[in-house]
Amino acid sequence: MRARIGAVMAAKPAKPAQTRSEAFRAFVTKNFDLGSDEMEVLTDACDTMDAIAALADDMSIPALREARQQRALLLRQLAMLNLPADAGDGLMSPQQIQAKRAADARWKRKHG
């Protein structure tokens, strides 16, 4: 159907991009069988991710403190899910990052 010249066509609203929490929930539910308790923890973790995202633009001291507390909470929630460390999308844990830095430093000392 052709629009008349000068007529305003209503564009379809763009689909909003998937948030980190939505992507995480989709990944976990697709790749793991979770019980009802684990699903509740997953929901709480996703809510925490959303709270962190909402605080991301606020650089006030109270918001930074709250974001730090929310990140600590998220780490505890993710630990409660007990997902395998190699199940992610290639992100390294803090221990893996530290081990890689140490290995890189040894390599540089040995090979210049």
Protein backbone atom coordinates (compact mmCIF):
# COMPACT_ATOMS: atom_id res chain seq x y z
CA MET A 1 0.00 0.00 0.00
CA ARG A 2 1.43 3.37 -0.97
CA ALA A 3 1.41 6.31 1.35
CA ARG A 4 0.17 9.61 0.04
CA ILE A 5 2.79 12.26 -0.48
CA GLY A 6 2.98 14.42 2.59
CA ALA A 7 1.24 11.86 4.78
CA VAL A 8 3.01 10.93 7.97
CA MET A 9 3.55 7.23 8.31
CA ALA A 10 3.74 5.82 11.79
CA ALA A 11 6.99 3.93 12.15
CA LYS A 12 7.13 0.77 14.18
CA PRO A 13 8.80 1.43 17.47
CA ALA A 14 12.29 -0.01 17.55
CA LYS A 15 12.70 -3.10 19.68
CA PRO A 16 14.77 -2.16 22.69
CA ALA A 17 18.15 -3.81 22.94
CA GLN A 18 18.40 -6.74 25.30
CA THR A 19 19.75 -5.77 28.70
CA ARG A 20 22.64 -7.62 30.33
CA SER A 21 20.25 -9.22 32.80
CA GLU A 22 17.94 -10.41 30.02
CA ALA A 23 20.87 -11.86 28.07
CA PHE A 24 22.21 -13.54 31.21
CA ARG A 25 18.81 -15.02 32.09
CA ALA A 26 18.37 -16.31 28.53
CA PHE A 27 21.85 -17.88 28.54
CA VAL A 28 21.42 -19.57 31.93
CA THR A 29 17.92 -20.90 31.31
CA LYS A 30 18.94 -22.20 27.88
CA ASN A 31 22.09 -23.97 29.06
CA PHE A 32 21.28 -25.16 32.59
CA ASP A 33 18.47 -27.00 34.32
CA LEU A 34 17.63 -24.94 37.38
CA GLY A 35 15.37 -25.90 40.24
CA SER A 36 12.78 -23.53 41.66
CA ASP A 37 15.17 -22.24 44.34
CA GLU A 38 17.85 -21.59 41.74
CA MET A 39 15.35 -19.80 39.51
CA GLU A 40 14.53 -17.51 42.42
CA VAL A 41 18.23 -16.75 42.90
CA LEU A 42 18.56 -16.14 39.15
CA THR A 43 15.64 -13.70 39.28
CA ASP A 44 17.23 -11.89 42.22
CA ALA A 45 20.59 -11.76 40.42
CA CYS A 46 18.96 -10.29 37.32
CA ASP A 47 17.17 -7.70 39.45
CA THR A 48 20.52 -6.82 41.01
CA MET A 49 22.07 -6.45 37.54
CA ASP A 50 19.27 -4.05 36.63
CA ALA A 51 19.85 -2.06 39.83
CA ILE A 52 23.56 -1.77 39.01
CA ALA A 53 22.73 -0.62 35.48
CA ALA A 54 20.35 2.01 36.85
CA LEU A 55 23.12 3.36 39.10
CA ALA A 56 25.72 3.44 36.31
CA ASP A 57 25.12 7.05 35.27
CA ASP A 58 24.98 8.51 38.77
CA MET A 59 28.46 9.48 39.95
CA SER A 60 27.44 10.76 43.38
CA ILE A 61 29.16 9.26 46.42
CA PRO A 62 25.97 7.59 47.73
CA ALA A 63 25.27 6.05 44.30
CA LEU A 64 28.85 4.76 44.03
CA ARG A 65 28.57 3.19 47.47
CA GLU A 66 25.26 1.60 46.57
CA ALA A 67 26.67 0.29 43.29
CA ARG A 68 29.59 -1.29 45.16
CA GLN A 69 27.16 -2.97 47.58
CA GLN A 70 25.01 -4.17 44.69
CA ARG A 71 28.05 -5.66 42.94
CA ALA A 72 29.03 -7.50 46.13
CA LEU A 73 25.46 -8.82 46.40
CA LEU A 74 25.55 -9.92 42.76
CA LEU A 75 28.77 -11.86 43.35
CA ARG A 76 27.13 -13.72 46.25
CA GLN A 77 24.04 -14.45 44.17
CA LEU A 78 26.10 -15.76 41.26
CA ALA A 79 28.09 -17.95 43.64
CA MET A 80 24.80 -19.37 44.95
CA LEU A 81 23.88 -20.42 41.40
CA ASN A 82 27.07 -22.50 41.36
CA LEU A 83 27.44 -22.36 37.57
CA PRO A 84 30.55 -23.99 36.09
CA ALA A 85 33.41 -21.50 35.66
CA ASP A 86 33.88 -22.43 32.00
CA ALA A 87 30.20 -21.98 31.16
CA GLY A 88 30.44 -18.26 30.47
CA ASP A 89 31.16 -16.28 27.36
CA GLY A 90 34.91 -16.19 27.81
CA LEU A 91 35.02 -13.78 30.72
CA MET A 92 37.81 -14.55 33.15
CA SER A 93 37.44 -14.66 36.90
CA PRO A 94 39.63 -12.37 39.03
CA GLN A 95 41.81 -15.39 39.86
CA GLN A 96 42.22 -16.22 36.18
CA ILE A 97 43.15 -12.61 35.40
CA GLN A 98 45.76 -12.61 38.17
CA ALA A 99 47.18 -15.94 36.97
CA LYS A 100 47.37 -14.65 33.39
CA ARG A 101 49.19 -11.50 34.49
CA ALA A 102 51.69 -13.59 36.46
CA ALA A 103 52.25 -15.91 33.50
CA ASP A 104 52.71 -12.94 31.15
CA ALA A 105 55.25 -11.38 33.54
CA ARG A 106 57.21 -14.66 33.72
CA TRP A 107 57.17 -14.90 29.94
CA LYS A 108 58.49 -11.34 29.53
CA ARG A 109 61.28 -11.94 32.06
CA LYS A 110 62.33 -15.13 30.32
CA HIS A 111 61.90 -14.06 26.69
CA GLY A 112 62.33 -10.30 26.95
